[in-house]
Protein backbone atom coordinates (compact mmCIF):
# COMPACT_ATOMS: atom_id res chain seq x y z
CA UNK A 1 10.06 13.70 12.39
CA UNK A 2 11.26 14.52 8.89
CA UNK A 3 8.33 15.45 6.67
CA UNK A 4 10.64 15.47 3.65
CA UNK A 5 11.41 11.77 3.90
CA UNK A 6 8.84 9.89 1.80
CA UNK A 7 6.53 7.75 3.89
CA UNK A 8 6.19 4.07 3.06
CA UNK A 9 2.65 2.67 2.85
CA UNK A 10 2.82 -1.04 3.72
CA UNK A 11 -0.17 -3.40 3.64
CA UNK A 12 0.42 -6.41 5.90
CA UNK A 13 -0.77 -9.90 5.04
CA UNK A 14 -1.11 -12.00 8.18
CA UNK A 15 -1.06 -15.65 7.11
CA UNK A 16 -2.63 -18.75 8.62
CA UNK A 17 -3.01 -22.08 6.79
CA UNK A 18 -2.06 -20.44 3.50
CA UNK A 19 -4.75 -17.73 3.73
CA UNK A 20 -4.64 -14.05 4.63
CA UNK A 21 -6.37 -13.48 7.97
CA UNK A 22 -6.94 -10.63 10.38
CA UNK A 23 -7.58 -10.66 14.11
CA UNK A 24 -8.36 -8.18 16.86
CA UNK A 25 -5.87 -7.87 19.74
CA UNK A 26 -4.05 -10.91 18.26
CA UNK A 27 -7.19 -13.13 18.50
CA UNK A 28 -10.66 -13.44 16.89
CA UNK A 29 -9.21 -14.39 13.51
CA UNK A 30 -11.24 -13.97 10.29
CA UNK A 31 -10.41 -14.80 6.67
CA UNK A 32 -9.31 -11.96 4.40
CA UNK A 33 -8.40 -13.67 1.13
CA UNK A 34 -5.75 -15.32 -1.00
CA UNK A 35 -2.20 -13.99 -0.44
CA UNK A 36 -1.23 -13.95 -4.12
CA UNK A 37 -4.36 -12.07 -5.14
CA UNK A 38 -3.99 -9.66 -2.21
CA UNK A 39 -0.38 -8.97 -3.16
CA UNK A 40 -1.26 -8.43 -6.81
CA UNK A 41 -4.06 -6.02 -5.87
CA UNK A 42 -1.95 -4.02 -3.44
CA UNK A 43 0.88 -3.62 -5.92
CA UNK A 44 -1.61 -2.35 -8.50
CA UNK A 45 -3.13 0.04 -5.95
CA UNK A 46 0.17 1.75 -5.24
CA UNK A 47 1.52 0.08 -2.10
CA UNK A 48 5.17 1.02 -1.55
CA UNK A 49 6.10 -2.22 0.19
CA UNK A 50 4.28 -5.34 1.38
CA UNK A 51 4.72 -7.31 4.59
CA UNK A 52 3.62 -10.90 5.07
CA UNK A 53 3.62 -12.65 8.43
CA UNK A 54 3.15 -16.37 9.02
CA UNK A 55 1.46 -15.77 12.37
CA UNK A 56 1.43 -19.35 13.67
CA UNK A 57 4.82 -20.61 12.44
CA UNK A 58 6.64 -19.91 15.71
CA UNK A 59 4.04 -21.38 18.05
CA UNK A 60 3.68 -24.40 15.77
CA UNK A 61 7.49 -24.80 15.78
CA UNK A 62 7.74 -24.96 12.02
CA UNK A 63 9.50 -23.10 9.25
CA UNK A 64 7.97 -20.34 7.15
CA UNK A 65 5.78 -21.51 4.27
CA UNK A 66 8.30 -21.13 1.45
CA UNK A 67 5.86 -22.18 -1.29
CA UNK A 68 3.61 -19.26 -0.38
CA UNK A 69 6.64 -16.94 -0.37
CA UNK A 70 7.54 -18.11 -3.89
CA UNK A 71 4.01 -17.56 -5.18
CA UNK A 72 3.76 -14.07 -3.72
CA UNK A 73 7.26 -13.17 -4.91
CA UNK A 74 6.27 -14.17 -8.45
CA UNK A 75 3.60 -11.46 -8.66
CA UNK A 76 4.95 -8.65 -6.44
CA UNK A 77 6.30 -5.47 -8.00
CA UNK A 78 7.43 -3.78 -4.76
CA UNK A 79 9.75 -4.87 -1.93
CA UNK A 80 8.28 -7.69 0.15
CA UNK A 81 9.14 -8.47 3.79
CA UNK A 82 8.43 -11.94 5.19
CA UNK A 83 8.22 -12.83 8.87
CA UNK A 84 7.15 -15.73 11.06
CA UNK A 85 9.13 -18.84 11.91
CA UNK A 86 12.50 -17.36 10.99
CA UNK A 87 14.56 -18.94 13.73
CA UNK A 88 18.06 -18.90 12.25
CA UNK A 89 20.27 -17.20 9.69
CA UNK A 90 19.79 -20.24 7.46
CA UNK A 91 16.00 -19.93 7.69
CA UNK A 92 16.27 -16.27 6.75
CA UNK A 93 18.48 -17.12 3.79
CA UNK A 94 15.91 -19.67 2.60
CA UNK A 95 13.13 -17.07 2.74
CA UNK A 96 15.22 -14.58 0.77
CA UNK A 97 16.14 -17.29 -1.74
CA UNK A 98 12.40 -18.00 -2.17
CA UNK A 99 11.91 -14.43 -3.32
CA UNK A 100 11.37 -12.19 -0.29
CA UNK A 101 13.36 -8.95 -0.29
CA UNK A 102 13.62 -8.68 3.50
CA UNK A 103 12.96 -10.80 6.58
CA UNK A 104 11.29 -9.88 9.85
CA UNK A 105 12.12 -11.76 13.03
CA UNK A 106 10.90 -11.47 16.60
CA UNK A 107 10.74 -14.41 19.01
CA UNK A 108 13.91 -16.18 17.88
CA UNK A 109 16.12 -13.11 18.20
CA UNK A 110 14.62 -12.25 21.56
CA UNK A 111 15.64 -15.67 22.80
CA UNK A 112 19.10 -15.31 21.24
CA UNK A 113 19.88 -11.63 20.61
CA UNK A 114 23.28 -12.36 19.03
CA UNK A 115 21.36 -13.71 16.05
CA UNK A 116 20.47 -10.12 15.11
CA UNK A 117 24.13 -9.33 14.62
CA UNK A 118 24.64 -12.55 12.68
CA UNK A 119 21.77 -11.72 10.34
CA UNK A 120 23.00 -8.17 9.80
CA UNK A 121 26.49 -9.47 9.01
CA UNK A 122 25.41 -12.32 6.72
CA UNK A 123 22.38 -10.79 5.00
CA UNK A 124 23.01 -7.04 5.23
CA UNK A 125 21.34 -4.55 7.56
CA UNK A 126 18.81 -3.51 4.91
CA UNK A 127 17.44 -7.06 4.77
CA UNK A 128 16.63 -7.39 8.47
CA UNK A 129 13.60 -6.05 10.34
CA UNK A 130 13.16 -6.81 14.04
CA UNK A 131 9.53 -6.96 15.14
CA UNK A 132 8.68 -6.21 18.76
CA UNK A 133 5.23 -7.15 20.08
CA UNK A 134 4.32 -5.37 23.30
CA UNK A 135 1.51 -5.01 25.80
CA UNK A 136 0.92 -2.15 28.18
CA UNK A 137 2.31 -2.88 31.65
CA UNK A 138 2.55 -0.08 34.19
CA UNK A 139 5.20 -2.01 36.13
CA UNK A 140 7.68 -1.54 33.28
CA UNK A 141 9.82 1.66 33.14
CA UNK A 142 8.50 2.47 29.66
CA UNK A 143 4.98 1.26 30.43
CA UNK A 144 5.31 -1.57 27.89
CA UNK A 145 6.40 -5.22 28.18
CA UNK A 146 7.79 -7.33 25.33
CA UNK A 147 5.75 -10.36 24.28
CA UNK A 148 6.89 -13.21 22.02
CA UNK A 149 5.35 -16.29 20.37
CA UNK A 150 2.81 -14.27 18.42
CA UNK A 151 1.90 -12.18 21.45
CA UNK A 152 1.23 -15.21 23.64
CA UNK A 153 4.22 -15.18 26.00
CA UNK A 154 5.12 -12.36 28.39
CA UNK A 155 8.87 -11.91 28.78
CA UNK A 156 9.27 -9.55 31.73
CA UNK A 157 11.44 -7.36 29.50
CA UNK A 158 10.87 -3.63 29.12
CA UNK A 159 10.08 -2.71 25.52
CA UNK A 160 12.32 0.35 25.42
CA UNK A 161 15.26 -1.54 26.92
CA UNK A 162 14.86 -4.24 24.25
CA UNK A 163 14.57 -1.61 21.49
CA UNK A 164 17.90 -0.11 22.53
CA UNK A 165 19.54 -3.55 22.48
CA UNK A 166 18.13 -4.21 19.00
CA UNK A 167 19.30 -0.82 17.78
CA UNK A 168 22.81 -1.62 18.96
CA UNK A 169 23.09 -4.36 16.34
CA UNK A 170 22.63 -1.89 13.51
CA UNK A 171 19.27 -2.98 12.08
CA UNK A 172 17.66 -0.47 9.74
CA UNK A 173 14.02 -1.17 10.60
CA UNK A 174 12.11 -1.89 13.82
CA UNK A 175 8.45 -2.93 13.81
CA UNK A 176 6.68 -2.49 17.16
CA UNK A 177 3.07 -3.68 17.52
CA UNK A 178 0.92 -2.91 20.54
CA UNK A 179 -1.44 -5.74 21.52
CA UNK A 180 -3.91 -3.25 22.99
CA UNK A 181 -4.52 -1.49 19.68
CA UNK A 182 -3.89 -4.29 17.14
CA UNK A 183 -6.86 -4.73 14.83
CA UNK A 184 -9.04 -2.43 16.94
CA UNK A 185 -9.07 0.40 14.37
CA UNK A 186 -8.95 2.94 17.20
CA UNK A 187 -5.58 4.40 16.23
CA UNK A 188 -1.94 3.45 16.61
CA UNK A 189 -0.33 3.40 20.06
CA UNK A 190 1.27 6.84 19.69
CA UNK A 191 3.14 6.92 23.05
CA UNK A 192 4.79 3.63 22.08
CA UNK A 193 5.78 4.94 18.65
CA UNK A 194 7.25 8.11 20.14
CA UNK A 195 9.33 6.16 22.66
CA UNK A 196 10.62 3.71 20.05
CA UNK A 197 11.48 6.51 17.62
CA UNK A 198 13.39 8.37 20.33
CA UNK A 199 15.41 5.25 21.16
CA UNK A 200 16.58 4.29 17.67
CA UNK A 201 17.98 5.70 14.45
CA UNK A 202 16.26 2.91 12.49
CA UNK A 203 13.08 3.35 10.48
CA UNK A 204 10.11 2.66 12.75
CA UNK A 205 7.01 0.95 11.44
CA UNK A 206 3.65 2.08 12.83
CA UNK A 207 1.73 -1.17 13.28
CA UNK A 208 -1.51 -2.13 14.97
CA UNK A 209 -4.62 -0.01 15.17
CA UNK A 210 -5.17 1.95 11.95
CA UNK A 211 -8.82 2.75 11.40
CA UNK A 212 -8.86 6.09 9.61
CA UNK A 213 -6.55 8.10 7.39
CA UNK A 214 -6.07 10.50 10.30
CA UNK A 215 -4.56 7.66 12.30
CA UNK A 216 -1.83 7.23 9.69
CA UNK A 217 -1.07 10.97 9.81
CA UNK A 218 -0.85 10.82 13.61
CA UNK A 219 1.65 7.97 13.41
CA UNK A 220 3.77 9.90 10.94
CA UNK A 221 3.66 12.95 13.21
CA UNK A 222 4.86 10.68 16.05
CA UNK A 223 7.93 9.75 13.98
CA UNK A 224 7.03 6.56 12.11
CA UNK A 225 8.33 6.47 8.55
CA UNK A 226 6.63 3.20 7.53
CA UNK A 227 2.84 3.07 7.91
CA UNK A 228 1.45 -0.45 8.10
CA UNK A 229 -2.18 -1.38 7.77
CA UNK A 230 -4.09 -4.63 7.45
CA UNK A 231 -7.86 -4.76 7.93
CA UNK A 232 -8.44 -1.22 6.66
CA UNK A 233 -6.91 -2.28 3.35
CA UNK A 234 -8.16 -5.89 3.27
CA UNK A 235 -11.80 -4.90 3.82
CA UNK A 236 -11.69 -1.81 1.55
CA UNK A 237 -12.14 0.74 4.31
CA UNK A 238 -9.24 2.87 3.02
CA UNK A 239 -7.89 3.02 -0.53
CA UNK A 240 -4.12 3.45 -0.80
CA UNK A 241 -4.26 6.22 -3.46
CA UNK A 242 -6.70 8.20 -1.29
CA UNK A 243 -4.48 7.71 1.76
CA UNK A 244 -1.42 8.97 -0.11
CA UNK A 245 -3.31 12.06 -1.29
CA UNK A 246 -4.54 12.69 2.26
CA UNK A 247 -1.01 12.50 3.65
CA UNK A 248 0.33 14.70 0.85
CA UNK A 249 -2.35 17.29 1.61
CA UNK A 250 -1.19 17.23 5.23
CA UNK A 251 2.33 18.18 4.15
CA UNK A 252 3.96 14.76 4.20
CA UNK A 253 6.15 13.44 1.41
CA UNK A 254 4.77 10.28 -0.18
CA UNK A 255 5.99 8.03 -2.96
CA UNK A 256 4.10 8.29 -6.22
């Protein structure tokens, strides 16, 4: 862990039917607002980057909602990553053309790993994030199994093995989310973060489980350089300026 590298605070907007939503353990979905207004508010509050995920695009076998991407891109003042339904290089190019700064992909590249290399080559490594959804499984060497299709489909693949494959394509950012902690506000899955960080030179996003400012500090201590939160920001449990000050007081470098 490099405390001198500025941490990135990243609110995540999970999208369903054009609205921001938030679930617990990938289910029990509740409404959390309008994506454009959420984006505008987070930019004003000091977010360093914003992620938006069309959480049902893959399972509904449809493309990302480009009109929503365009609307959000029109108001954002920080880099914006879009994921969900990005099943080809062409789909990724369309999302970037609509105004996103980066794309995040998960299920499609798991099914065809060579697509990661194609995206890196065609779009640039800085534009590509690979998301890895996992669930705890003691039968796996790492203790974690990869899931796809929005966390619905078990793959039988060890999470650490898949991380190493992803890393081999030269991506600059990997986003692991643990189903067991997602939305629970009980803290990030720190053993998962440590294993992923040890297996890659890419930036690792801490995702799934933030409930307190201490949780963000723990994730940073574990090696994550991007700290993602959803419900704690959406429902005003943690203010971004207060979180940045907390992390700064703990000796971490943060963007101002």
